[in-house]
PDB file of N, CA and C in Angstrom:
ATOM      1  N   UNK A   1     165.563  89.228 151.645  1.00  0.00           N
ATOM      2  CA  UNK A   1     166.224  90.431 151.193  1.00  0.00           C
ATOM      3  C   UNK A   1     167.667  90.443 151.692  1.00  0.00           C
ATOM      4  N   UNK A   2     168.558  90.862 150.828  1.00  0.00           N
ATOM      5  CA  UNK A   2     169.956  90.958 151.215  1.00  0.00           C
ATOM      6  C   UNK A   2     170.152  92.160 152.134  1.00  0.00           C
ATOM      7  N   UNK A   3     171.273  92.142 152.825  1.00  0.00           N
ATOM      8  CA  UNK A   3     171.580  93.231 153.738  1.00  0.00           C
ATOM      9  C   UNK A   3     171.756  94.552 152.986  1.00  0.00           C
ATOM     10  N   UNK A   4     172.378  94.493 151.799  1.00  0.00           N
ATOM     11  CA  UNK A   4     172.578  95.717 151.011  1.00  0.00           C
ATOM     12  C   UNK A   4     171.243  96.315 150.585  1.00  0.00           C
ATOM     13  N   UNK A   5     170.286  95.455 150.255  1.00  0.00           N
ATOM     14  CA  UNK A   5     168.972  95.934 149.831  1.00  0.00           C
ATOM     15  C   UNK A   5     168.243  96.615 150.977  1.00  0.00           C
ATOM     16  N   UNK A   6     168.365  96.062 152.179  1.00  0.00           N
ATOM     17  CA  UNK A   6     167.727  96.677 153.338  1.00  0.00           C
ATOM     18  C   UNK A   6     168.345  98.037 153.644  1.00  0.00           C
ATOM     19  N   UNK A   7     169.670  98.125 153.503  1.00  0.00           N
ATOM     20  CA  UNK A   7     170.354  99.395 153.761  1.00  0.00           C
ATOM     21  C   UNK A   7     169.933 100.435 152.735  1.00  0.00           C
ATOM     22  N   UNK A   8     169.843 100.038 151.477  1.00  0.00           N
ATOM     23  CA  UNK A   8     169.449 100.970 150.424  1.00  0.00           C
ATOM     24  C   UNK A   8     168.032 101.478 150.640  1.00  0.00           C
ATOM     25  N   UNK A   9     167.116 100.573 150.975  1.00  0.00           N
ATOM     26  CA  UNK A   9     165.743 100.990 151.194  1.00  0.00           C
ATOM     27  C   UNK A   9     165.627 101.882 152.431  1.00  0.00           C
ATOM     28  N   UNK A  10     166.392 101.579 153.460  1.00  0.00           N
ATOM     29  CA  UNK A  10     166.389 102.408 154.660  1.00  0.00           C
ATOM     30  C   UNK A  10     166.911 103.807 154.338  1.00  0.00           C
ATOM     31  N   UNK A  11     167.914 103.899 153.495  1.00  0.00           N
ATOM     32  CA  UNK A  11     168.446 105.209 153.099  1.00  0.00           C
ATOM     33  C   UNK A  11     167.416 106.023 152.328  1.00  0.00           C
ATOM     34  N   UNK A  12     166.658 105.368 151.444  1.00  0.00           N
ATOM     35  CA  UNK A  12     165.592 106.073 150.725  1.00  0.00           C
ATOM     36  C   UNK A  12     164.550 106.620 151.703  1.00  0.00           C
ATOM     37  N   UNK A  13     164.167 105.825 152.672  1.00  0.00           N
ATOM     38  CA  UNK A  13     163.144 106.245 153.623  1.00  0.00           C
ATOM     39  C   UNK A  13     163.661 107.365 154.518  1.00  0.00           C
ATOM     40  N   UNK A  14     164.914 107.270 154.965  1.00  0.00           N
ATOM     41  CA  UNK A  14     165.496 108.327 155.798  1.00  0.00           C
ATOM     42  C   UNK A  14     165.606 109.629 155.003  1.00  0.00           C
ATOM     43  N   UNK A  15     165.984 109.541 153.743  1.00  0.00           N
ATOM     44  CA  UNK A  15     166.070 110.736 152.904  1.00  0.00           C
ATOM     45  C   UNK A  15     164.701 111.382 152.743  1.00  0.00           C
ATOM     46  N   UNK A  16     163.665 110.575 152.557  1.00  0.00           N
ATOM     47  CA  UNK A  16     162.326 111.153 152.394  1.00  0.00           C
ATOM     48  C   UNK A  16     161.866 111.815 153.688  1.00  0.00           C
ATOM     49  N   UNK A  17     162.174 111.212 154.838  1.00  0.00           N
ATOM     50  CA  UNK A  17     161.805 111.827 156.117  1.00  0.00           C
ATOM     51  C   UNK A  17     162.530 113.155 156.297  1.00  0.00           C
ATOM     52  N   UNK A  18     163.808 113.209 155.922  1.00  0.00           N
ATOM     53  CA  UNK A  18     164.559 114.470 156.014  1.00  0.00           C
ATOM     54  C   UNK A  18     163.952 115.551 155.129  1.00  0.00           C
ATOM     55  N   UNK A  19     163.532 115.174 153.917  1.00  0.00           N
ATOM     56  CA  UNK A  19     162.902 116.156 153.037  1.00  0.00           C
ATOM     57  C   UNK A  19     161.564 116.631 153.603  1.00  0.00           C
ATOM     58  N   UNK A  20     160.796 115.739 154.219  1.00  0.00           N
ATOM     59  CA  UNK A  20     159.528 116.142 154.828  1.00  0.00           C
ATOM     60  C   UNK A  20     159.756 117.088 156.003  1.00  0.00           C
ATOM     61  N   UNK A  21     160.774 116.834 156.808  1.00  0.00           N
ATOM     62  CA  UNK A  21     161.088 117.734 157.916  1.00  0.00           C
ATOM     63  C   UNK A  21     161.526 119.087 157.386  1.00  0.00           C
ATOM     64  N   UNK A  22     162.340 119.081 156.354  1.00  0.00           N
ATOM     65  CA  UNK A  22     162.777 120.331 155.733  1.00  0.00           C
ATOM     66  C   UNK A  22     161.592 121.106 155.157  1.00  0.00           C
ATOM     67  N   UNK A  23     160.638 120.394 154.570  1.00  0.00           N
ATOM     68  CA  UNK A  23     159.447 121.052 154.028  1.00  0.00           C
ATOM     69  C   UNK A  23     158.635 121.696 155.143  1.00  0.00           C
ATOM     70  N   UNK A  24     158.503 121.004 156.265  1.00  0.00           N
ATOM     71  CA  UNK A  24     157.753 121.578 157.390  1.00  0.00           C
ATOM     72  C   UNK A  24     158.437 122.842 157.910  1.00  0.00           C
ATOM     73  N   UNK A  25     159.764 122.806 158.005  1.00  0.00           N
ATOM     74  CA  UNK A  25     160.498 123.987 158.466  1.00  0.00           C
ATOM     75  C   UNK A  25     160.340 125.141 157.478  1.00  0.00           C
ATOM     76  N   UNK A  26     160.380 124.839 156.192  1.00  0.00           N
ATOM     77  CA  UNK A  26     160.222 125.888 155.175  1.00  0.00           C
ATOM     78  C   UNK A  26     158.833 126.504 155.218  1.00  0.00           C
ATOM     79  N   UNK A  27     157.810 125.687 155.432  1.00  0.00           N
ATOM     80  CA  UNK A  27     156.455 126.233 155.506  1.00  0.00           C
ATOM     81  C   UNK A  27     156.285 127.100 156.738  1.00  0.00           C
ATOM     82  N   UNK A  28     156.921 126.730 157.842  1.00  0.00           N
ATOM     83  CA  UNK A  28     156.821 127.528 159.062  1.00  0.00           C
ATOM     84  C   UNK A  28     157.529 128.872 158.890  1.00  0.00           C
ATOM     85  N   UNK A  29     158.655 128.883 158.175  1.00  0.00           N
ATOM     86  CA  UNK A  29     159.416 130.120 157.995  1.00  0.00           C
ATOM     87  C   UNK A  29     158.991 130.895 156.738  1.00  0.00           C
ATOM     88  N   UNK A  30     157.825 130.623 156.200  1.00  0.00           N
ATOM     89  CA  UNK A  30     157.240 131.352 155.064  1.00  0.00           C
ATOM     90  C   UNK A  30     158.058 131.269 153.774  1.00  0.00           C
ATOM     91  N   UNK A  31     158.723 130.151 153.537  1.00  0.00           N
ATOM     92  CA  UNK A  31     159.395 129.908 152.260  1.00  0.00           C
ATOM     93  C   UNK A  31     158.627 128.809 151.541  1.00  0.00           C
ATOM     94  N   UNK A  32     157.450 129.149 151.059  1.00  0.00           N
ATOM     95  CA  UNK A  32     156.549 128.121 150.534  1.00  0.00           C
ATOM     96  C   UNK A  32     157.075 127.454 149.262  1.00  0.00           C
ATOM     97  N   UNK A  33     157.784 128.179 148.412  1.00  0.00           N
ATOM     98  CA  UNK A  33     158.266 127.556 147.170  1.00  0.00           C
ATOM     99  C   UNK A  33     159.310 126.484 147.473  1.00  0.00           C
ATOM    100  N   UNK A  34     160.192 126.736 148.417  1.00  0.00           N
ATOM    101  CA  UNK A  34     161.183 125.722 148.802  1.00  0.00           C
ATOM    102  C   UNK A  34     160.501 124.583 149.542  1.00  0.00           C
ATOM    103  N   UNK A  35     159.463 124.887 150.315  1.00  0.00           N
ATOM    104  CA  UNK A  35     158.718 123.848 151.018  1.00  0.00           C
ATOM    105  C   UNK A  35     158.030 122.894 150.062  1.00  0.00           C
ATOM    106  N   UNK A  36     157.468 123.447 149.002  1.00  0.00           N
ATOM    107  CA  UNK A  36     156.801 122.611 147.995  1.00  0.00           C
ATOM    108  C   UNK A  36     157.815 121.714 147.294  1.00  0.00           C
ATOM    109  N   UNK A  37     158.982 122.263 146.996  1.00  0.00           N
ATOM    110  CA  UNK A  37     160.038 121.473 146.358  1.00  0.00           C
ATOM    111  C   UNK A  37     160.477 120.318 147.267  1.00  0.00           C
ATOM    112  N   UNK A  38     160.677 120.612 148.551  1.00  0.00           N
ATOM    113  CA  UNK A  38     161.081 119.559 149.487  1.00  0.00           C
ATOM    114  C   UNK A  38     159.986 118.518 149.662  1.00  0.00           C
ATOM    115  N   UNK A  39     158.749 118.942 149.648  1.00  0.00           N
ATOM    116  CA  UNK A  39     157.629 118.006 149.752  1.00  0.00           C
ATOM    117  C   UNK A  39     157.604 117.066 148.550  1.00  0.00           C
ATOM    118  N   UNK A  40     157.836 117.605 147.368  1.00  0.00           N
ATOM    119  CA  UNK A  40     157.878 116.770 146.158  1.00  0.00           C
ATOM    120  C   UNK A  40     159.062 115.803 146.183  1.00  0.00           C
ATOM    121  N   UNK A  41     160.208 116.275 146.643  1.00  0.00           N
ATOM    122  CA  UNK A  41     161.374 115.398 146.717  1.00  0.00           C
ATOM    123  C   UNK A  41     161.172 114.281 147.740  1.00  0.00           C
ATOM    124  N   UNK A  42     160.545 114.596 148.868  1.00  0.00           N
ATOM    125  CA  UNK A  42     160.250 113.565 149.861  1.00  0.00           C
ATOM    126  C   UNK A  42     159.315 112.511 149.300  1.00  0.00           C
ATOM    127  N   UNK A  43     158.311 112.945 148.575  1.00  0.00           N
ATOM    128  CA  UNK A  43     157.376 112.000 147.963  1.00  0.00           C
ATOM    129  C   UNK A  43     158.058 111.153 146.892  1.00  0.00           C
ATOM    130  N   UNK A  44     158.983 111.743 146.162  1.00  0.00           N
ATOM    131  CA  UNK A  44     159.723 111.001 145.148  1.00  0.00           C
ATOM    132  C   UNK A  44     160.561 109.894 145.776  1.00  0.00           C
ATOM    133  N   UNK A  45     161.207 110.206 146.885  1.00  0.00           N
ATOM    134  CA  UNK A  45     162.018 109.186 147.546  1.00  0.00           C
ATOM    135  C   UNK A  45     161.162 108.080 148.150  1.00  0.00           C
ATOM    136  N   UNK A  46     159.954 108.400 148.616  1.00  0.00           N
ATOM    137  CA  UNK A  46     159.034 107.365 149.094  1.00  0.00           C
ATOM    138  C   UNK A  46     158.656 106.446 147.928  1.00  0.00           C
ATOM    139  N   UNK A  47     158.365 107.028 146.769  1.00  0.00           N
ATOM    140  CA  UNK A  47     158.025 106.220 145.589  1.00  0.00           C
ATOM    141  C   UNK A  47     159.208 105.358 145.149  1.00  0.00           C
ATOM    142  N   UNK A  48     160.410 105.920 145.195  1.00  0.00           N
ATOM    143  CA  UNK A  48     161.590 105.140 144.828  1.00  0.00           C
ATOM    144  C   UNK A  48     161.801 103.959 145.766  1.00  0.00           C
ATOM    145  N   UNK A  49     161.561 104.163 147.048  1.00  0.00           N
ATOM    146  CA  UNK A  49     161.733 103.046 147.979  1.00  0.00           C
ATOM    147  C   UNK A  49     160.689 101.961 147.727  1.00  0.00           C
ATOM    148  N   UNK A  50     159.465 102.366 147.392  1.00  0.00           N
ATOM    149  CA  UNK A  50     158.424 101.373 147.090  1.00  0.00           C
ATOM    150  C   UNK A  50     158.757 100.603 145.813  1.00  0.00           C
ATOM    151  N   UNK A  51     159.231 101.299 144.795  1.00  0.00           N
ATOM    152  CA  UNK A  51     159.616 100.630 143.553  1.00  0.00           C
ATOM    153  C   UNK A  51     160.800  99.696 143.780  1.00  0.00           C
ATOM    154  N   UNK A  52     161.740 100.124 144.576  1.00  0.00           N
ATOM    155  CA  UNK A  52     162.913  99.304 144.866  1.00  0.00           C
ATOM    156  C   UNK A  52     162.508  98.043 145.619  1.00  0.00           C
ATOM    157  N   UNK A  53     161.564  98.188 146.552  1.00  0.00           N
ATOM    158  CA  UNK A  53     161.101  97.036 147.314  1.00  0.00           C
ATOM    159  C   UNK A  53     160.374  96.048 146.402  1.00  0.00           C
ATOM    160  N   UNK A  54     159.510  96.546 145.520  1.00  0.00           N
ATOM    161  CA  UNK A  54     158.784  95.667 144.598  1.00  0.00           C
ATOM    162  C   UNK A  54     159.718  94.999 143.605  1.00  0.00           C
ATOM    163  N   UNK A  55     160.750  95.691 143.176  1.00  0.00           N
ATOM    164  CA  UNK A  55     161.717  95.129 142.240  1.00  0.00           C
ATOM    165  C   UNK A  55     162.450  93.956 142.884  1.00  0.00           C
ATOM    166  N   UNK A  56     162.812  94.106 144.137  1.00  0.00           N
ATOM    167  CA  UNK A  56     163.537  93.040 144.832  1.00  0.00           C
ATOM    168  C   UNK A  56     162.636  91.870 145.158  1.00  0.00           C
ATOM    169  N   UNK A  57     161.360  92.092 145.390  1.00  0.00           N
ATOM    170  CA  UNK A  57     160.431  90.980 145.626  1.00  0.00           C
ATOM    171  C   UNK A  57     160.248  90.165 144.353  1.00  0.00           C
ATOM    172  N   UNK A  58     160.282  90.822 143.197  1.00  0.00           N
ATOM    173  CA  UNK A  58     160.150  90.131 141.922  1.00  0.00           C
ATOM    174  C   UNK A  58     161.339  89.252 141.599  1.00  0.00           C
ATOM    175  N   UNK A  59     162.513  89.628 142.095  1.00  0.00           N
ATOM    176  CA  UNK A  59     163.724  88.844 141.834  1.00  0.00           C
ATOM    177  C   UNK A  59     163.742  87.534 142.610  1.00  0.00           C
ATOM    178  N   UNK A  60     162.984  87.451 143.693  1.00  0.00           N
ATOM    179  CA  UNK A  60     162.962  86.224 144.500  1.00  0.00           C
ATOM    180  C   UNK A  60     162.256  85.086 143.800  1.00  0.00           C
ATOM    181  N   UNK A  61     161.262  85.414 142.991  1.00  0.00           N
ATOM    182  CA  UNK A  61     160.432  84.387 142.348  1.00  0.00           C
ATOM    183  C   UNK A  61     161.117  83.684 141.249  1.00  0.00           C
TER     184      UNK A  61
END
């Protein structure tokens, strides 16, 4: 994997962790609709990082 690819995937994972933390804070402060939105966005970024990783593995072959 190239260095740029590792940085991009790390950014996706960090973004998803930030959204999960934001969702936890929203659920604690009784803002459930915003918490659900942040939870969905965190999951989306996890999926994007997995797709990005699989795409780059396919390019090696």
